């Protein structure tokens, strides 16, 4: 509770709300990119903010490069679901669940 995740791309904050190809999971902090393009090449840095402690921590930059051989790698299609066993919500409130389809 109180943690939020943002990503920096080449020293600029990623505006994933306006980008339908990228998504940041607020449950895990993972960055997901659909259909990687040459413009996605660069350094990505995760920033974790604890609003209760009023502190942020920046991780090390992670480079993203494109393979020149055109091979996507071996990924069997699967659904990544990380729902809690039980989710409680007050009547009339909203609940956000994250589900990701992965594959080749």
N, C-alpha and C. Protein backbone atom coordinates (compact mmCIF):
# COMPACT_ATOMS: atom_id res chain seq x y z
N UNK A 1 0.84 -1.21 0.00
CA UNK A 1 0.00 0.00 0.00
C UNK A 1 0.87 1.25 0.00
N UNK A 2 0.45 2.22 -0.78
CA UNK A 2 1.19 3.47 -0.84
C UNK A 2 2.29 3.49 -1.89
N UNK A 3 2.53 2.36 -2.58
CA UNK A 3 3.57 2.32 -3.61
C UNK A 3 2.96 2.61 -4.98
N UNK A 4 3.70 3.35 -5.80
CA UNK A 4 3.32 3.54 -7.19
C UNK A 4 4.57 3.41 -8.05
N UNK A 5 4.36 3.04 -9.31
CA UNK A 5 5.47 2.76 -10.21
C UNK A 5 5.36 3.63 -11.45
N UNK A 6 6.47 4.21 -11.85
CA UNK A 6 6.55 4.92 -13.12
C UNK A 6 7.83 4.48 -13.81
N UNK A 7 7.89 4.70 -15.12
CA UNK A 7 9.07 4.34 -15.88
C UNK A 7 9.60 5.56 -16.61
N UNK A 8 10.92 5.66 -16.64
CA UNK A 8 11.63 6.72 -17.36
C UNK A 8 12.22 6.08 -18.61
N UNK A 9 12.02 6.73 -19.76
CA UNK A 9 12.58 6.25 -21.02
C UNK A 9 13.53 7.32 -21.54
N UNK A 10 14.82 6.99 -21.60
CA UNK A 10 15.84 7.94 -22.05
C UNK A 10 15.70 9.29 -21.35
N UNK A 11 15.59 9.25 -20.02
CA UNK A 11 15.50 10.44 -19.16
C UNK A 11 14.20 11.22 -19.26
N UNK A 12 13.16 10.66 -19.90
CA UNK A 12 11.85 11.29 -19.96
C UNK A 12 10.81 10.35 -19.38
N UNK A 13 9.89 10.87 -18.58
CA UNK A 13 8.84 10.03 -18.00
C UNK A 13 7.93 9.50 -19.10
N UNK A 14 7.69 8.19 -19.08
CA UNK A 14 6.78 7.57 -20.06
C UNK A 14 5.35 7.98 -19.74
N UNK A 15 4.64 8.43 -20.73
CA UNK A 15 3.24 8.79 -20.56
C UNK A 15 2.40 7.62 -21.08
N UNK A 16 2.30 6.55 -20.27
CA UNK A 16 1.63 5.34 -20.74
C UNK A 16 0.11 5.49 -20.82
N UNK A 17 -0.47 6.47 -20.14
CA UNK A 17 -1.91 6.66 -20.22
C UNK A 17 -2.34 7.04 -21.63
N UNK A 18 -1.46 7.70 -22.36
CA UNK A 18 -1.77 8.15 -23.71
C UNK A 18 -1.27 7.18 -24.78
N UNK A 19 -0.66 6.07 -24.35
CA UNK A 19 -0.02 5.15 -25.27
C UNK A 19 -0.68 3.77 -25.14
N UNK A 20 -1.40 3.34 -26.16
CA UNK A 20 -2.09 2.06 -26.11
C UNK A 20 -1.18 0.86 -26.21
N UNK A 21 0.11 1.05 -26.53
CA UNK A 21 1.03 -0.07 -26.67
C UNK A 21 1.78 -0.39 -25.37
N UNK A 22 1.78 0.53 -24.42
CA UNK A 22 2.55 0.33 -23.20
C UNK A 22 1.63 0.37 -21.98
N UNK A 23 1.99 -0.44 -20.98
CA UNK A 23 1.20 -0.48 -19.77
C UNK A 23 2.12 -0.76 -18.58
N UNK A 24 1.92 -0.06 -17.49
CA UNK A 24 2.67 -0.29 -16.26
C UNK A 24 1.72 -0.91 -15.24
N UNK A 25 2.04 -2.11 -14.79
CA UNK A 25 1.24 -2.77 -13.76
C UNK A 25 1.49 -2.09 -12.43
N UNK A 26 0.45 -1.57 -11.81
CA UNK A 26 0.61 -0.96 -10.50
C UNK A 26 0.65 -2.02 -9.40
N UNK A 27 0.39 -3.28 -9.77
CA UNK A 27 0.51 -4.37 -8.82
C UNK A 27 1.94 -4.88 -8.69
N UNK A 28 2.66 -4.93 -9.82
CA UNK A 28 4.03 -5.49 -9.82
C UNK A 28 5.09 -4.48 -10.21
N UNK A 29 4.69 -3.40 -10.88
CA UNK A 29 5.66 -2.43 -11.39
C UNK A 29 6.20 -2.79 -12.76
N UNK A 30 5.82 -3.95 -13.30
CA UNK A 30 6.32 -4.38 -14.61
C UNK A 30 5.84 -3.46 -15.71
N UNK A 31 6.70 -3.25 -16.69
CA UNK A 31 6.37 -2.49 -17.89
C UNK A 31 6.13 -3.49 -19.02
N UNK A 32 4.99 -3.37 -19.68
CA UNK A 32 4.64 -4.24 -20.80
C UNK A 32 4.58 -3.39 -22.06
N UNK A 33 5.20 -3.88 -23.13
CA UNK A 33 5.19 -3.18 -24.42
C UNK A 33 4.67 -4.16 -25.47
N UNK A 34 3.63 -3.77 -26.17
CA UNK A 34 3.10 -4.59 -27.26
C UNK A 34 3.69 -4.10 -28.58
N UNK A 35 4.07 -5.04 -29.43
CA UNK A 35 4.61 -4.72 -30.76
C UNK A 35 5.75 -3.71 -30.66
N UNK A 36 6.89 -4.16 -30.17
CA UNK A 36 8.06 -3.30 -30.01
C UNK A 36 8.46 -2.73 -31.37
N UNK A 37 8.73 -1.44 -31.38
CA UNK A 37 9.12 -0.72 -32.60
C UNK A 37 10.51 -0.13 -32.43
N UNK A 38 11.18 0.24 -33.52
CA UNK A 38 12.51 0.84 -33.40
C UNK A 38 12.55 2.05 -32.48
N UNK A 39 11.47 2.80 -32.39
CA UNK A 39 11.44 3.97 -31.51
C UNK A 39 11.43 3.59 -30.02
N UNK A 40 11.23 2.31 -29.71
CA UNK A 40 11.24 1.85 -28.32
C UNK A 40 12.65 1.55 -27.81
N UNK A 41 13.63 1.53 -28.70
CA UNK A 41 15.01 1.23 -28.31
C UNK A 41 15.54 2.36 -27.44
N UNK A 42 16.15 1.98 -26.32
CA UNK A 42 16.74 2.97 -25.42
C UNK A 42 16.86 2.40 -24.02
N UNK A 43 17.02 3.28 -23.05
CA UNK A 43 17.18 2.87 -21.66
C UNK A 43 15.90 3.13 -20.87
N UNK A 44 15.47 2.11 -20.12
CA UNK A 44 14.27 2.19 -19.28
C UNK A 44 14.69 2.10 -17.82
N UNK A 45 14.15 3.00 -17.00
CA UNK A 45 14.46 3.04 -15.58
C UNK A 45 13.16 3.07 -14.80
N UNK A 46 13.02 2.17 -13.82
CA UNK A 46 11.82 2.13 -12.98
C UNK A 46 12.01 3.04 -11.77
N UNK A 47 10.96 3.78 -11.44
CA UNK A 47 10.96 4.63 -10.26
C UNK A 47 9.81 4.17 -9.36
N UNK A 48 10.14 3.79 -8.14
CA UNK A 48 9.14 3.36 -7.16
C UNK A 48 8.97 4.48 -6.15
N UNK A 49 7.71 4.90 -5.95
CA UNK A 49 7.42 5.99 -5.02
C UNK A 49 6.55 5.46 -3.89
N UNK A 50 6.96 5.77 -2.66
CA UNK A 50 6.18 5.45 -1.48
C UNK A 50 5.56 6.76 -1.00
N UNK A 51 4.26 6.92 -1.25
CA UNK A 51 3.60 8.18 -0.93
C UNK A 51 3.52 8.42 0.58
N UNK A 52 3.42 7.34 1.36
CA UNK A 52 3.34 7.50 2.81
C UNK A 52 4.67 7.99 3.39
N UNK A 53 5.77 7.48 2.88
CA UNK A 53 7.10 7.89 3.36
C UNK A 53 7.62 9.10 2.59
N UNK A 54 6.90 9.51 1.55
CA UNK A 54 7.30 10.63 0.69
C UNK A 54 8.72 10.44 0.16
N UNK A 55 8.99 9.22 -0.35
CA UNK A 55 10.30 8.90 -0.91
C UNK A 55 10.15 8.18 -2.23
N UNK A 56 11.13 8.39 -3.11
CA UNK A 56 11.20 7.69 -4.39
C UNK A 56 12.56 7.05 -4.53
N UNK A 57 12.58 5.89 -5.16
CA UNK A 57 13.83 5.18 -5.43
C UNK A 57 13.87 4.87 -6.92
N UNK A 58 14.99 5.20 -7.54
CA UNK A 58 15.18 4.96 -8.96
C UNK A 58 16.09 3.76 -9.14
N UNK A 59 15.64 2.79 -9.95
CA UNK A 59 16.45 1.61 -10.23
C UNK A 59 17.50 1.91 -11.29
N UNK A 60 18.32 0.92 -11.60
CA UNK A 60 19.33 1.10 -12.65
C UNK A 60 18.67 1.09 -14.03
N UNK A 61 19.26 1.78 -15.01
CA UNK A 61 18.69 1.75 -16.36
C UNK A 61 18.85 0.37 -16.98
N UNK A 62 17.80 -0.05 -17.71
CA UNK A 62 17.81 -1.32 -18.42
C UNK A 62 17.70 -1.03 -19.91
N UNK A 63 18.70 -1.42 -20.70
CA UNK A 63 18.64 -1.13 -22.14
C UNK A 63 17.70 -2.08 -22.86
N UNK A 64 16.97 -1.55 -23.84
CA UNK A 64 16.14 -2.37 -24.73
C UNK A 64 16.75 -2.24 -26.12
N UNK A 65 17.08 -3.37 -26.73
CA UNK A 65 17.62 -3.38 -28.08
C UNK A 65 16.76 -4.29 -28.94
N UNK A 66 16.78 -4.07 -30.23
CA UNK A 66 16.05 -4.93 -31.16
C UNK A 66 17.00 -5.98 -31.71
N UNK A 67 16.49 -7.19 -31.86
CA UNK A 67 17.29 -8.25 -32.47
C UNK A 67 17.34 -8.00 -33.98
N UNK A 68 18.49 -8.18 -34.55
CA UNK A 68 18.63 -7.96 -35.99
C UNK A 68 18.27 -9.21 -36.81
N UNK A 69 18.13 -10.37 -36.14
CA UNK A 69 17.86 -11.59 -36.88
C UNK A 69 16.36 -11.84 -37.10
N UNK A 70 15.52 -10.99 -36.53
CA UNK A 70 14.07 -11.12 -36.74
C UNK A 70 13.41 -12.23 -35.96
N UNK A 71 14.16 -12.92 -35.09
CA UNK A 71 13.61 -14.02 -34.30
C UNK A 71 12.94 -13.44 -33.05
N UNK A 72 11.71 -13.86 -32.82
CA UNK A 72 10.97 -13.34 -31.67
C UNK A 72 11.29 -14.10 -30.38
N UNK A 73 11.83 -15.27 -30.47
CA UNK A 73 12.04 -16.10 -29.28
C UNK A 73 10.90 -17.08 -29.13
N UNK A 74 11.04 -17.98 -28.22
CA UNK A 74 10.04 -19.02 -28.02
C UNK A 74 9.17 -18.69 -26.81
N UNK A 75 7.96 -18.31 -27.08
CA UNK A 75 7.00 -18.03 -26.02
C UNK A 75 5.72 -18.77 -26.34
N UNK A 76 5.34 -19.70 -25.48
CA UNK A 76 4.07 -20.37 -25.72
C UNK A 76 2.95 -19.42 -25.27
N UNK A 77 1.84 -19.42 -25.98
CA UNK A 77 0.74 -18.57 -25.57
C UNK A 77 0.25 -18.94 -24.17
N UNK A 78 0.06 -17.93 -23.34
CA UNK A 78 -0.46 -18.17 -22.01
C UNK A 78 -1.09 -16.89 -21.48
N UNK A 79 -1.91 -17.02 -20.48
CA UNK A 79 -2.54 -15.88 -19.83
C UNK A 79 -1.88 -15.72 -18.47
N UNK A 80 -1.34 -14.54 -18.21
CA UNK A 80 -0.73 -14.23 -16.92
C UNK A 80 -1.80 -13.62 -16.03
N UNK A 81 -2.20 -14.35 -15.01
CA UNK A 81 -3.22 -13.86 -14.09
C UNK A 81 -2.64 -13.84 -12.69
N UNK A 82 -2.67 -12.71 -12.06
CA UNK A 82 -2.15 -12.59 -10.69
C UNK A 82 -3.23 -11.99 -9.79
N UNK A 83 -4.39 -12.61 -9.81
CA UNK A 83 -5.48 -12.12 -8.96
C UNK A 83 -5.27 -12.66 -7.55
N UNK A 84 -5.61 -11.87 -6.54
CA UNK A 84 -5.56 -12.41 -5.17
C UNK A 84 -6.64 -13.48 -5.02
N UNK A 85 -6.43 -14.39 -4.06
CA UNK A 85 -7.41 -15.45 -3.85
C UNK A 85 -8.80 -14.87 -3.56
N UNK A 86 -8.82 -13.82 -2.76
CA UNK A 86 -10.08 -13.16 -2.41
C UNK A 86 -9.90 -11.65 -2.60
N UNK A 87 -10.86 -11.03 -3.25
CA UNK A 87 -10.83 -9.59 -3.42
C UNK A 87 -12.07 -9.01 -2.76
N UNK A 88 -11.87 -8.09 -1.84
CA UNK A 88 -12.98 -7.45 -1.14
C UNK A 88 -13.20 -6.06 -1.71
N UNK A 89 -14.45 -5.68 -1.81
CA UNK A 89 -14.77 -4.33 -2.28
C UNK A 89 -16.06 -3.88 -1.61
N UNK A 90 -16.11 -2.60 -1.29
CA UNK A 90 -17.33 -2.04 -0.72
C UNK A 90 -18.36 -1.88 -1.83
N UNK A 91 -19.60 -2.05 -1.49
CA UNK A 91 -20.68 -1.90 -2.47
C UNK A 91 -20.61 -0.51 -3.10
N UNK A 92 -20.68 -0.49 -4.44
CA UNK A 92 -20.63 0.77 -5.17
C UNK A 92 -19.23 1.25 -5.50
N UNK A 93 -18.20 0.53 -5.02
CA UNK A 93 -16.82 0.94 -5.33
C UNK A 93 -16.34 0.20 -6.58
N UNK A 94 -15.17 0.58 -7.08
CA UNK A 94 -14.60 -0.05 -8.27
C UNK A 94 -13.41 -0.91 -7.88
N UNK A 95 -13.22 -2.01 -8.61
CA UNK A 95 -12.08 -2.89 -8.41
C UNK A 95 -11.37 -3.03 -9.74
N UNK A 96 -10.03 -2.91 -9.73
CA UNK A 96 -9.26 -3.06 -10.96
C UNK A 96 -8.49 -4.37 -10.91
N UNK A 97 -8.68 -5.23 -11.89
CA UNK A 97 -7.97 -6.49 -12.01
C UNK A 97 -7.09 -6.43 -13.26
N UNK A 98 -5.86 -6.94 -13.16
CA UNK A 98 -4.96 -6.92 -14.31
C UNK A 98 -4.81 -8.33 -14.86
N UNK A 99 -4.95 -8.46 -16.16
CA UNK A 99 -4.80 -9.74 -16.84
C UNK A 99 -4.03 -9.49 -18.14
N UNK A 100 -3.00 -10.29 -18.40
CA UNK A 100 -2.16 -10.08 -19.58
C UNK A 100 -2.12 -11.33 -20.43
N UNK A 101 -2.36 -11.18 -21.72
CA UNK A 101 -2.22 -12.30 -22.64
C UNK A 101 -0.84 -12.21 -23.27
N UNK A 102 -0.06 -13.27 -23.14
CA UNK A 102 1.28 -13.31 -23.71
C UNK A 102 1.32 -14.38 -24.78
N UNK A 103 2.15 -14.21 -25.75
CA UNK A 103 2.28 -15.23 -26.78
C UNK A 103 3.17 -14.76 -27.89
N UNK A 104 3.18 -15.55 -28.98
CA UNK A 104 4.04 -15.14 -30.07
C UNK A 104 3.25 -14.78 -31.29
